[in-house]
Amino acid sequence: MNDKRSYRDIVLDLEKHLVEYNVHIVYIGNHLKNIDSHLNRLNERTSDCEVSTARAGINVKWIIRIGGGLFTILAGGTALVLKIFGVY
């Protein structure tokens, strides 16, 4: 290599490039932190939605059980009343 620059010039040039790379690395690190923060927020929302969905599923099961029980009682009561009055 035919480099006629002095050692000091080479070191200063190298230092300039290293500072540029360091700035890029810091910039990339900040972006990665932002992405990580957004992903954490999405995960928290997803887990909140999963809990809400599970609670809603439990509520629907109870509504079906209670509604089915009421329907059975009403249907049985109606059949009993009809049997008593001789219609059925």
PDB file of N, CA and C in Angstrom:
ATOM      1  N   MET A   1       0.827  -1.160   0.000  1.00  0.00           N
ATOM      2  CA  MET A   1       0.000   0.000   0.000  1.00  0.00           C
ATOM      3  C   MET A   1       0.885   1.240   0.000  1.00  0.00           C
ATOM      4  N   ASN A   2       0.640   2.140  -0.879  1.00  0.00           N
ATOM      5  CA  ASN A   2       1.427   3.348  -1.014  1.00  0.00           C
ATOM      6  C   ASN A   2       0.719   4.522  -0.358  1.00  0.00           C
ATOM      7  N   ASP A   3       0.599   4.503   0.940  1.00  0.00           N
ATOM      8  CA  ASP A   3      -0.092   5.574   1.660  1.00  0.00           C
ATOM      9  C   ASP A   3       0.954   6.544   2.181  1.00  0.00           C
ATOM     10  N   LYS A   4       0.924   7.767   1.708  1.00  0.00           N
ATOM     11  CA  LYS A   4       1.912   8.777   2.071  1.00  0.00           C
ATOM     12  C   LYS A   4       1.470   9.638   3.243  1.00  0.00           C
ATOM     13  N   ARG A   5       0.322   9.308   3.858  1.00  0.00           N
ATOM     14  CA  ARG A   5      -0.161  10.111   4.981  1.00  0.00           C
ATOM     15  C   ARG A   5       0.643   9.794   6.240  1.00  0.00           C
ATOM     16  N   SER A   6       0.662  10.737   7.129  1.00  0.00           N
ATOM     17  CA  SER A   6       1.373  10.513   8.388  1.00  0.00           C
ATOM     18  C   SER A   6       0.505   9.635   9.294  1.00  0.00           C
ATOM     19  N   TYR A   7       1.177   9.076  10.280  1.00  0.00           N
ATOM     20  CA  TYR A   7       0.482   8.216  11.248  1.00  0.00           C
ATOM     21  C   TYR A   7      -0.623   9.001  11.942  1.00  0.00           C
ATOM     22  N   ARG A   8      -0.364  10.241  12.282  1.00  0.00           N
ATOM     23  CA  ARG A   8      -1.347  11.093  12.961  1.00  0.00           C
ATOM     24  C   ARG A   8      -2.582  11.298  12.087  1.00  0.00           C
ATOM     25  N   ASP A   9      -2.395  11.528  10.776  1.00  0.00           N
ATOM     26  CA  ASP A   9      -3.524  11.707   9.865  1.00  0.00           C
ATOM     27  C   ASP A   9      -4.353  10.430   9.752  1.00  0.00           C
ATOM     28  N   ILE A  10      -3.690   9.312   9.711  1.00  0.00           N
ATOM     29  CA  ILE A  10      -4.390   8.026   9.631  1.00  0.00           C
ATOM     30  C   ILE A  10      -5.218   7.802  10.892  1.00  0.00           C
ATOM     31  N   VAL A  11      -4.636   8.072  12.051  1.00  0.00           N
ATOM     32  CA  VAL A  11      -5.353   7.890  13.318  1.00  0.00           C
ATOM     33  C   VAL A  11      -6.537   8.843  13.404  1.00  0.00           C
ATOM     34  N   LEU A  12      -6.365  10.103  13.001  1.00  0.00           N
ATOM     35  CA  LEU A  12      -7.469  11.068  13.034  1.00  0.00           C
ATOM     36  C   LEU A  12      -8.590  10.652  12.077  1.00  0.00           C
ATOM     37  N   ASP A  13      -8.212  10.153  10.910  1.00  0.00           N
ATOM     38  CA  ASP A  13      -9.209   9.684   9.947  1.00  0.00           C
ATOM     39  C   ASP A  13      -9.965   8.471  10.505  1.00  0.00           C
ATOM     40  N   LEU A  14      -9.204   7.580  11.093  1.00  0.00           N
ATOM     41  CA  LEU A  14      -9.816   6.390  11.698  1.00  0.00           C
ATOM     42  C   LEU A  14     -10.750   6.785  12.837  1.00  0.00           C
ATOM     43  N   GLU A  15     -10.321   7.747  13.661  1.00  0.00           N
ATOM     44  CA  GLU A  15     -11.153   8.211  14.767  1.00  0.00           C
ATOM     45  C   GLU A  15     -12.441   8.838  14.242  1.00  0.00           C
ATOM     46  N   LYS A  16     -12.343   9.600  13.154  1.00  0.00           N
ATOM     47  CA  LYS A  16     -13.532  10.221  12.551  1.00  0.00           C
ATOM     48  C   LYS A  16     -14.528   9.150  12.104  1.00  0.00           C
ATOM     49  N   HIS A  17     -14.019   8.097  11.477  1.00  0.00           N
ATOM     50  CA  HIS A  17     -14.899   7.012  11.034  1.00  0.00           C
ATOM     51  C   HIS A  17     -15.509   6.268  12.219  1.00  0.00           C
ATOM     52  N   LEU A  18     -14.718   6.062  13.255  1.00  0.00           N
ATOM     53  CA  LEU A  18     -15.244   5.368  14.432  1.00  0.00           C
ATOM     54  C   LEU A  18     -16.341   6.182  15.109  1.00  0.00           C
ATOM     55  N   VAL A  19     -16.187   7.495  15.161  1.00  0.00           N
ATOM     56  CA  VAL A  19     -17.231   8.356  15.733  1.00  0.00           C
ATOM     57  C   VAL A  19     -18.501   8.252  14.901  1.00  0.00           C
ATOM     58  N   GLU A  20     -18.377   8.244  13.563  1.00  0.00           N
ATOM     59  CA  GLU A  20     -19.546   8.093  12.693  1.00  0.00           C
ATOM     60  C   GLU A  20     -20.234   6.753  12.946  1.00  0.00           C
ATOM     61  N   TYR A  21     -19.431   5.693  13.051  1.00  0.00           N
ATOM     62  CA  TYR A  21     -20.015   4.368  13.314  1.00  0.00           C
ATOM     63  C   TYR A  21     -20.698   4.333  14.673  1.00  0.00           C
ATOM     64  N   ASN A  22     -20.083   4.967  15.655  1.00  0.00           N
ATOM     65  CA  ASN A  22     -20.674   5.004  16.988  1.00  0.00           C
ATOM     66  C   ASN A  22     -22.011   5.728  16.967  1.00  0.00           C
ATOM     67  N   VAL A  23     -22.090   6.840  16.220  1.00  0.00           N
ATOM     68  CA  VAL A  23     -23.348   7.577  16.094  1.00  0.00           C
ATOM     69  C   VAL A  23     -24.401   6.684  15.456  1.00  0.00           C
ATOM     70  N   HIS A  24     -24.018   5.945  14.429  1.00  0.00           N
ATOM     71  CA  HIS A  24     -24.960   5.037  13.779  1.00  0.00           C
ATOM     72  C   HIS A  24     -25.409   3.936  14.736  1.00  0.00           C
ATOM     73  N   ILE A  25     -24.489   3.417  15.515  1.00  0.00           N
ATOM     74  CA  ILE A  25     -24.830   2.356  16.465  1.00  0.00           C
ATOM     75  C   ILE A  25     -25.787   2.887  17.528  1.00  0.00           C
ATOM     76  N   VAL A  26     -25.550   4.086  18.018  1.00  0.00           N
ATOM     77  CA  VAL A  26     -26.458   4.691  19.007  1.00  0.00           C
ATOM     78  C   VAL A  26     -27.830   4.911  18.383  1.00  0.00           C
ATOM     79  N   TYR A  27     -27.847   5.389  17.146  1.00  0.00           N
ATOM     80  CA  TYR A  27     -29.096   5.635  16.425  1.00  0.00           C
ATOM     81  C   TYR A  27     -29.878   4.325  16.265  1.00  0.00           C
ATOM     82  N   ILE A  28     -29.191   3.274  15.852  1.00  0.00           N
ATOM     83  CA  ILE A  28     -29.822   1.963  15.691  1.00  0.00           C
ATOM     84  C   ILE A  28     -30.310   1.447  17.041  1.00  0.00           C
ATOM     85  N   GLY A  29     -29.510   1.632  18.087  1.00  0.00           N
ATOM     86  CA  GLY A  29     -29.913   1.199  19.431  1.00  0.00           C
ATOM     87  C   GLY A  29     -31.183   1.892  19.889  1.00  0.00           C
ATOM     88  N   ASN A  30     -31.305   3.196  19.608  1.00  0.00           N
ATOM     89  CA  ASN A  30     -32.528   3.915  19.974  1.00  0.00           C
ATOM     90  C   ASN A  30     -33.736   3.374  19.226  1.00  0.00           C
ATOM     91  N   HIS A  31     -33.560   3.077  17.958  1.00  0.00           N
ATOM     92  CA  HIS A  31     -34.668   2.513  17.187  1.00  0.00           C
ATOM     93  C   HIS A  31     -35.074   1.147  17.742  1.00  0.00           C
ATOM     94  N   LEU A  32     -34.102   0.324  18.089  1.00  0.00           N
ATOM     95  CA  LEU A  32     -34.418  -0.992  18.638  1.00  0.00           C
ATOM     96  C   LEU A  32     -35.162  -0.869  19.970  1.00  0.00           C
ATOM     97  N   LYS A  33     -34.782   0.116  20.798  1.00  0.00           N
ATOM     98  CA  LYS A  33     -35.498   0.344  22.057  1.00  0.00           C
ATOM     99  C   LYS A  33     -36.940   0.756  21.795  1.00  0.00           C
ATOM    100  N   ASN A  34     -37.140   1.635  20.795  1.00  0.00           N
ATOM    101  CA  ASN A  34     -38.501   2.058  20.445  1.00  0.00           C
ATOM    102  C   ASN A  34     -39.340   0.879  19.960  1.00  0.00           C
ATOM    103  N   ILE A  35     -38.750   0.053  19.112  1.00  0.00           N
ATOM    104  CA  ILE A  35     -39.467  -1.120  18.608  1.00  0.00           C
ATOM    105  C   ILE A  35     -39.817  -2.046  19.760  1.00  0.00           C
ATOM    106  N   ASP A  36     -38.877  -2.265  20.670  1.00  0.00           N
ATOM    107  CA  ASP A  36     -39.112  -3.129  21.828  1.00  0.00           C
ATOM    108  C   ASP A  36     -40.236  -2.568  22.695  1.00  0.00           C
ATOM    109  N   SER A  37     -40.249  -1.274  22.879  1.00  0.00           N
ATOM    110  CA  SER A  37     -41.299  -0.628  23.662  1.00  0.00           C
ATOM    111  C   SER A  37     -42.666  -0.830  23.013  1.00  0.00           C
ATOM    112  N   HIS A  38     -42.739  -0.657  21.705  1.00  0.00           N
ATOM    113  CA  HIS A  38     -44.008  -0.851  21.005  1.00  0.00           C
ATOM    114  C   HIS A  38     -44.471  -2.302  21.094  1.00  0.00           C
ATOM    115  N   LEU A  39     -43.544  -3.229  20.948  1.00  0.00           N
ATOM    116  CA  LEU A  39     -43.907  -4.650  21.043  1.00  0.00           C
ATOM    117  C   LEU A  39     -44.398  -4.999  22.439  1.00  0.00           C
ATOM    118  N   ASN A  40     -43.774  -4.425  23.469  1.00  0.00           N
ATOM    119  CA  ASN A  40     -44.237  -4.677  24.836  1.00  0.00           C
ATOM    120  C   ASN A  40     -45.652  -4.155  25.033  1.00  0.00           C
ATOM    121  N   ARG A  41     -45.940  -2.969  24.497  1.00  0.00           N
ATOM    122  CA  ARG A  41     -47.303  -2.419  24.607  1.00  0.00           C
ATOM    123  C   ARG A  41     -48.306  -3.315  23.892  1.00  0.00           C
ATOM    124  N   LEU A  42     -47.933  -3.817  22.716  1.00  0.00           N
ATOM    125  CA  LEU A  42     -48.826  -4.722  21.983  1.00  0.00           C
ATOM    126  C   LEU A  42     -49.062  -6.006  22.767  1.00  0.00           C
ATOM    127  N   ASN A  43     -48.012  -6.538  23.379  1.00  0.00           N
ATOM    128  CA  ASN A  43     -48.160  -7.757  24.178  1.00  0.00           C
ATOM    129  C   ASN A  43     -49.074  -7.516  25.373  1.00  0.00           C
ATOM    130  N   GLU A  44     -48.943  -6.349  26.007  1.00  0.00           N
ATOM    131  CA  GLU A  44     -49.816  -6.042  27.145  1.00  0.00           C
ATOM    132  C   GLU A  44     -51.269  -5.927  26.698  1.00  0.00           C
ATOM    133  N   ARG A  45     -51.490  -5.256  25.554  1.00  0.00           N
ATOM    134  CA  ARG A  45     -52.864  -5.142  25.042  1.00  0.00           C
ATOM    135  C   ARG A  45     -53.416  -6.509  24.699  1.00  0.00           C
ATOM    136  N   THR A  46     -52.590  -7.362  24.084  1.00  0.00           N
ATOM    137  CA  THR A  46     -53.036  -8.695  23.701  1.00  0.00           C
ATOM    138  C   THR A  46     -53.409  -9.500  24.940  1.00  0.00           C
ATOM    139  N   SER A  47     -52.595  -9.422  25.977  1.00  0.00           N
ATOM    140  CA  SER A  47     -52.918 -10.175  27.194  1.00  0.00           C
ATOM    141  C   SER A  47     -54.170  -9.625  27.853  1.00  0.00           C
ATOM    142  N   ASP A  48     -54.368  -8.292  27.817  1.00  0.00           N
ATOM    143  CA  ASP A  48     -55.605  -7.713  28.350  1.00  0.00           C
ATOM    144  C   ASP A  48     -56.811  -8.216  27.569  1.00  0.00           C
ATOM    145  N   CYS A  49     -56.681  -8.283  26.251  1.00  0.00           N
ATOM    146  CA  CYS A  49     -57.783  -8.774  25.411  1.00  0.00           C
ATOM    147  C   CYS A  49     -58.060 -10.246  25.681  1.00  0.00           C
ATOM    148  N   GLU A  50     -57.008 -11.032  25.915  1.00  0.00           N
ATOM    149  CA  GLU A  50     -57.208 -12.444  26.220  1.00  0.00           C
ATOM    150  C   GLU A  50     -57.973 -12.615  27.523  1.00  0.00           C
ATOM    151  N   VAL A  51     -57.639 -11.801  28.523  1.00  0.00           N
ATOM    152  CA  VAL A  51     -58.346 -11.865  29.804  1.00  0.00           C
ATOM    153  C   VAL A  51     -59.800 -11.456  29.615  1.00  0.00           C
ATOM    154  N   SER A  52     -60.038 -10.386  28.859  1.00  0.00           N
ATOM    155  CA  SER A  52     -61.407  -9.936  28.603  1.00  0.00           C
ATOM    156  C   SER A  52     -62.202 -10.997  27.854  1.00  0.00           C
ATOM    157  N   THR A  53     -61.572 -11.630  26.877  1.00  0.00           N
ATOM    158  CA  THR A  53     -62.241 -12.674  26.103  1.00  0.00           C
ATOM    159  C   THR A  53     -62.575 -13.868  26.990  1.00  0.00           C
ATOM    160  N   ALA A  54     -61.655 -14.241  27.856  1.00  0.00           N
ATOM    161  CA  ALA A  54     -61.917 -15.363  28.763  1.00  0.00           C
ATOM    162  C   ALA A  54     -63.071 -15.032  29.706  1.00  0.00           C
ATOM    163  N   ARG A  55     -63.089 -13.809  30.240  1.00  0.00           N
ATOM    164  CA  ARG A  55     -64.189 -13.409  31.122  1.00  0.00           C
ATOM    165  C   ARG A  55     -65.513 -13.404  30.374  1.00  0.00           C
ATOM    166  N   ALA A  56     -65.496 -12.904  29.138  1.00  0.00           N
ATOM    167  CA  ALA A  56     -66.722 -12.873  28.338  1.00  0.00           C
ATOM    168  C   ALA A  56     -67.205 -14.292  28.060  1.00  0.00           C
ATOM    169  N   GLY A  57     -66.277 -15.200  27.806  1.00  0.00           N
ATOM    170  CA  GLY A  57     -66.652 -16.600  27.583  1.00  0.00           C
ATOM    171  C   GLY A  57     -67.302 -17.206  28.804  1.00  0.00           C
ATOM    172  N   ILE A  58     -66.770 -16.904  29.983  1.00  0.00           N
ATOM    173  CA  ILE A  58     -67.361 -17.402  31.230  1.00  0.00           C
ATOM    174  C   ILE A  58     -68.751 -16.807  31.418  1.00  0.00           C
ATOM    175  N   ASN A  59     -68.885 -15.508  31.135  1.00  0.00           N
ATOM    176  CA  ASN A  59     -70.195 -14.861  31.264  1.00  0.00           C
ATOM    177  C   ASN A  59     -71.209 -15.481  30.310  1.00  0.00           C
ATOM    178  N   VAL A  60     -70.803 -15.770  29.085  1.00  0.00           N
ATOM    179  CA  VAL A  60     -71.711 -16.379  28.111  1.00  0.00           C
ATOM    180  C   VAL A  60     -72.138 -17.761  28.588  1.00  0.00           C
ATOM    181  N   LYS A  61     -71.213 -18.524  29.141  1.00  0.00           N
ATOM    182  CA  LYS A  61     -71.565 -19.851  29.659  1.00  0.00           C
ATOM    183  C   LYS A  61     -72.608 -19.744  30.759  1.00  0.00           C
ATOM    184  N   TRP A  62     -72.433 -18.781  31.656  1.00  0.00           N
ATOM    185  CA  TRP A  62     -73.402 -18.613  32.740  1.00  0.00           C
ATOM    186  C   TRP A  62     -74.752 -18.164  32.204  1.00  0.00           C
ATOM    187  N   ILE A  63     -74.748 -17.274  31.227  1.00  0.00           N
ATOM    188  CA  ILE A  63     -76.004 -16.811  30.621  1.00  0.00           C
ATOM    189  C   ILE A  63     -76.732 -17.986  29.973  1.00  0.00           C
ATOM    190  N   ILE A  64     -76.004 -18.834  29.264  1.00  0.00           N
ATOM    191  CA  ILE A  64     -76.618 -20.002  28.626  1.00  0.00           C
ATOM    192  C   ILE A  64     -77.169 -20.957  29.680  1.00  0.00           C
ATOM    193  N   ARG A  65     -76.415 -21.198  30.748  1.00  0.00           N
ATOM    194  CA  ARG A  65     -76.889 -22.101  31.808  1.00  0.00           C
ATOM    195  C   ARG A  65     -78.144 -21.563  32.473  1.00  0.00           C
ATOM    196  N   ILE A  66     -78.120 -20.277  32.825  1.00  0.00           N
ATOM    197  CA  ILE A  66     -79.282 -19.685  33.499  1.00  0.00           C
ATOM    198  C   ILE A  66     -80.467 -19.636  32.541  1.00  0.00           C
ATOM    199  N   GLY A  67     -80.223 -19.198  31.298  1.00  0.00           N
ATOM    200  CA  GLY A  67     -81.302 -19.144  30.302  1.00  0.00           C
ATOM    201  C   GLY A  67     -81.871 -20.519  30.017  1.00  0.00           C
ATOM    202  N   GLY A  68     -80.997 -21.511  29.905  1.00  0.00           N
ATOM    203  CA  GLY A  68     -81.463 -22.884  29.670  1.00  0.00           C
ATOM    204  C   GLY A  68     -82.268 -23.401  30.846  1.00  0.00           C
ATOM    205  N   GLY A  69     -81.804 -23.082  32.059  1.00  0.00           N
ATOM    206  CA  GLY A  69     -82.550 -23.497  33.256  1.00  0.00           C
ATOM    207  C   GLY A  69     -83.917 -22.841  33.314  1.00  0.00           C
ATOM    208  N   LEU A  70     -83.984 -21.542  33.031  1.00  0.00           N
ATOM    209  CA  LEU A  70     -85.271 -20.836  33.029  1.00  0.00           C
ATOM    210  C   LEU A  70     -86.197 -21.384  31.951  1.00  0.00           C
ATOM    211  N   PHE A  71     -85.624 -21.666  30.768  1.00  0.00           N
ATOM    212  CA  PHE A  71     -86.442 -22.225  29.692  1.00  0.00           C
ATOM    213  C   PHE A  71     -86.992 -23.585  30.095  1.00  0.00           C
ATOM    214  N   THR A  72     -86.173 -24.412  30.734  1.00  0.00           N
ATOM    215  CA  THR A  72     -86.614 -25.731  31.161  1.00  0.00           C
ATOM    216  C   THR A  72     -87.721 -25.615  32.200  1.00  0.00           C
ATOM    217  N   ILE A  73     -87.533 -24.703  33.144  1.00  0.00           N
ATOM    218  CA  ILE A  73     -88.549 -24.513  34.190  1.00  0.00           C
ATOM    219  C   ILE A  73     -89.854 -24.012  33.562  1.00  0.00           C
ATOM    220  N   LEU A  74     -89.766 -23.028  32.670  1.00  0.00           N
ATOM    221  CA  LEU A  74     -90.971 -22.493  32.031  1.00  0.00           C
ATOM    222  C   LEU A  74     -91.656 -23.533  31.154  1.00  0.00           C
ATOM    223  N   ALA A  75     -90.848 -24.283  30.395  1.00  0.00           N
ATOM    224  CA  ALA A  75     -91.437 -25.311  29.531  1.00  0.00           C
ATOM    225  C   ALA A  75     -92.082 -26.408  30.371  1.00  0.00           C
ATOM    226  N   GLY A  76     -91.394 -26.812  31.439  1.00  0.00           N
ATOM    227  CA  GLY A  76     -91.975 -27.836  32.331  1.00  0.00           C
ATOM    228  C   GLY A  76     -93.219 -27.329  33.017  1.00  0.00           C
ATOM    229  N   GLY A  77     -93.190 -26.073  33.465  1.00  0.00           N
ATOM    230  CA  GLY A  77     -94.362 -25.481  34.117  1.00  0.00           C
ATOM    231  C   GLY A  77     -95.533 -25.379  33.149  1.00  0.00           C
ATOM    232  N   THR A  78     -95.256 -24.981  31.928  1.00  0.00           N
ATOM    233  CA  THR A  78     -96.315 -24.876  30.918  1.00  0.00           C
ATOM    234  C   THR A  78     -96.901 -26.260  30.636  1.00  0.00           C
ATOM    235  N   ALA A  79     -96.030 -27.255  30.480  1.00  0.00           N
ATOM    236  CA  ALA A  79     -96.507 -28.617  30.228  1.00  0.00           C
ATOM    237  C   ALA A  79     -97.336 -29.111  31.410  1.00  0.00           C
ATOM    238  N   LEU A  80     -96.930 -28.788  32.631  1.00  0.00           N
ATOM    239  CA  LEU A  80     -97.668 -29.210  33.822  1.00  0.00           C
ATOM    240  C   LEU A  80     -99.041 -28.535  33.874  1.00  0.00           C
ATOM    241  N   VAL A  81     -99.089 -27.224  33.585  1.00  0.00           N
ATOM    242  CA  VAL A  81    -100.368 -26.501  33.581  1.00  0.00           C
ATOM    243  C   VAL A  81    -101.289 -27.063  32.511  1.00  0.00           C
ATOM    244  N   LEU A  82    -100.745 -27.323  31.322  1.00  0.00           N
ATOM    245  CA  LEU A  82    -101.554 -27.904  30.261  1.00  0.00           C
ATOM    246  C   LEU A  82    -102.063 -29.294  30.618  1.00  0.00           C
ATOM    247  N   LYS A  83    -101.247 -30.070  31.303  1.00  0.00           N
ATOM    248  CA  LYS A  83    -101.636 -31.427  31.731  1.00  0.00           C
ATOM    249  C   LYS A  83    -102.748 -31.342  32.772  1.00  0.00           C
ATOM    250  N   ILE A  84    -102.611 -30.375  33.682  1.00  0.00           N
ATOM    251  CA  ILE A  84    -103.618 -30.220  34.741  1.00  0.00           C
ATOM    252  C   ILE A  84    -104.969 -29.835  34.114  1.00  0.00           C
ATOM    253  N   PHE A  85    -104.956 -28.920  33.183  1.00  0.00           N
ATOM    254  CA  PHE A  85    -106.201 -28.471  32.563  1.00  0.00           C
ATOM    255  C   PHE A  85    -106.679 -29.428  31.457  1.00  0.00           C
ATOM    256  N   GLY A  86    -105.949 -30.461  31.207  1.00  0.00           N
ATOM    257  CA  GLY A  86    -106.383 -31.474  30.272  1.00  0.00           C
ATOM    258  C   GLY A  86    -106.186 -31.113  28.807  1.00  0.00           C
ATOM    259  N   VAL A  87    -105.467 -30.066  28.526  1.00  0.00           N
ATOM    260  CA  VAL A  87    -105.248 -29.662  27.138  1.00  0.00           C
ATOM    261  C   VAL A  87    -104.171 -30.552  26.513  1.00  0.00           C
ATOM    262  N   TYR A  88    -103.287 -31.042  27.280  1.00  0.00           N
ATOM    263  CA  TYR A  88    -102.156 -31.800  26.758  1.00  0.00           C
ATOM    264  C   TYR A  88    -102.235 -33.228  27.184  1.00  0.00           C
TER     265      TYR A  88
END
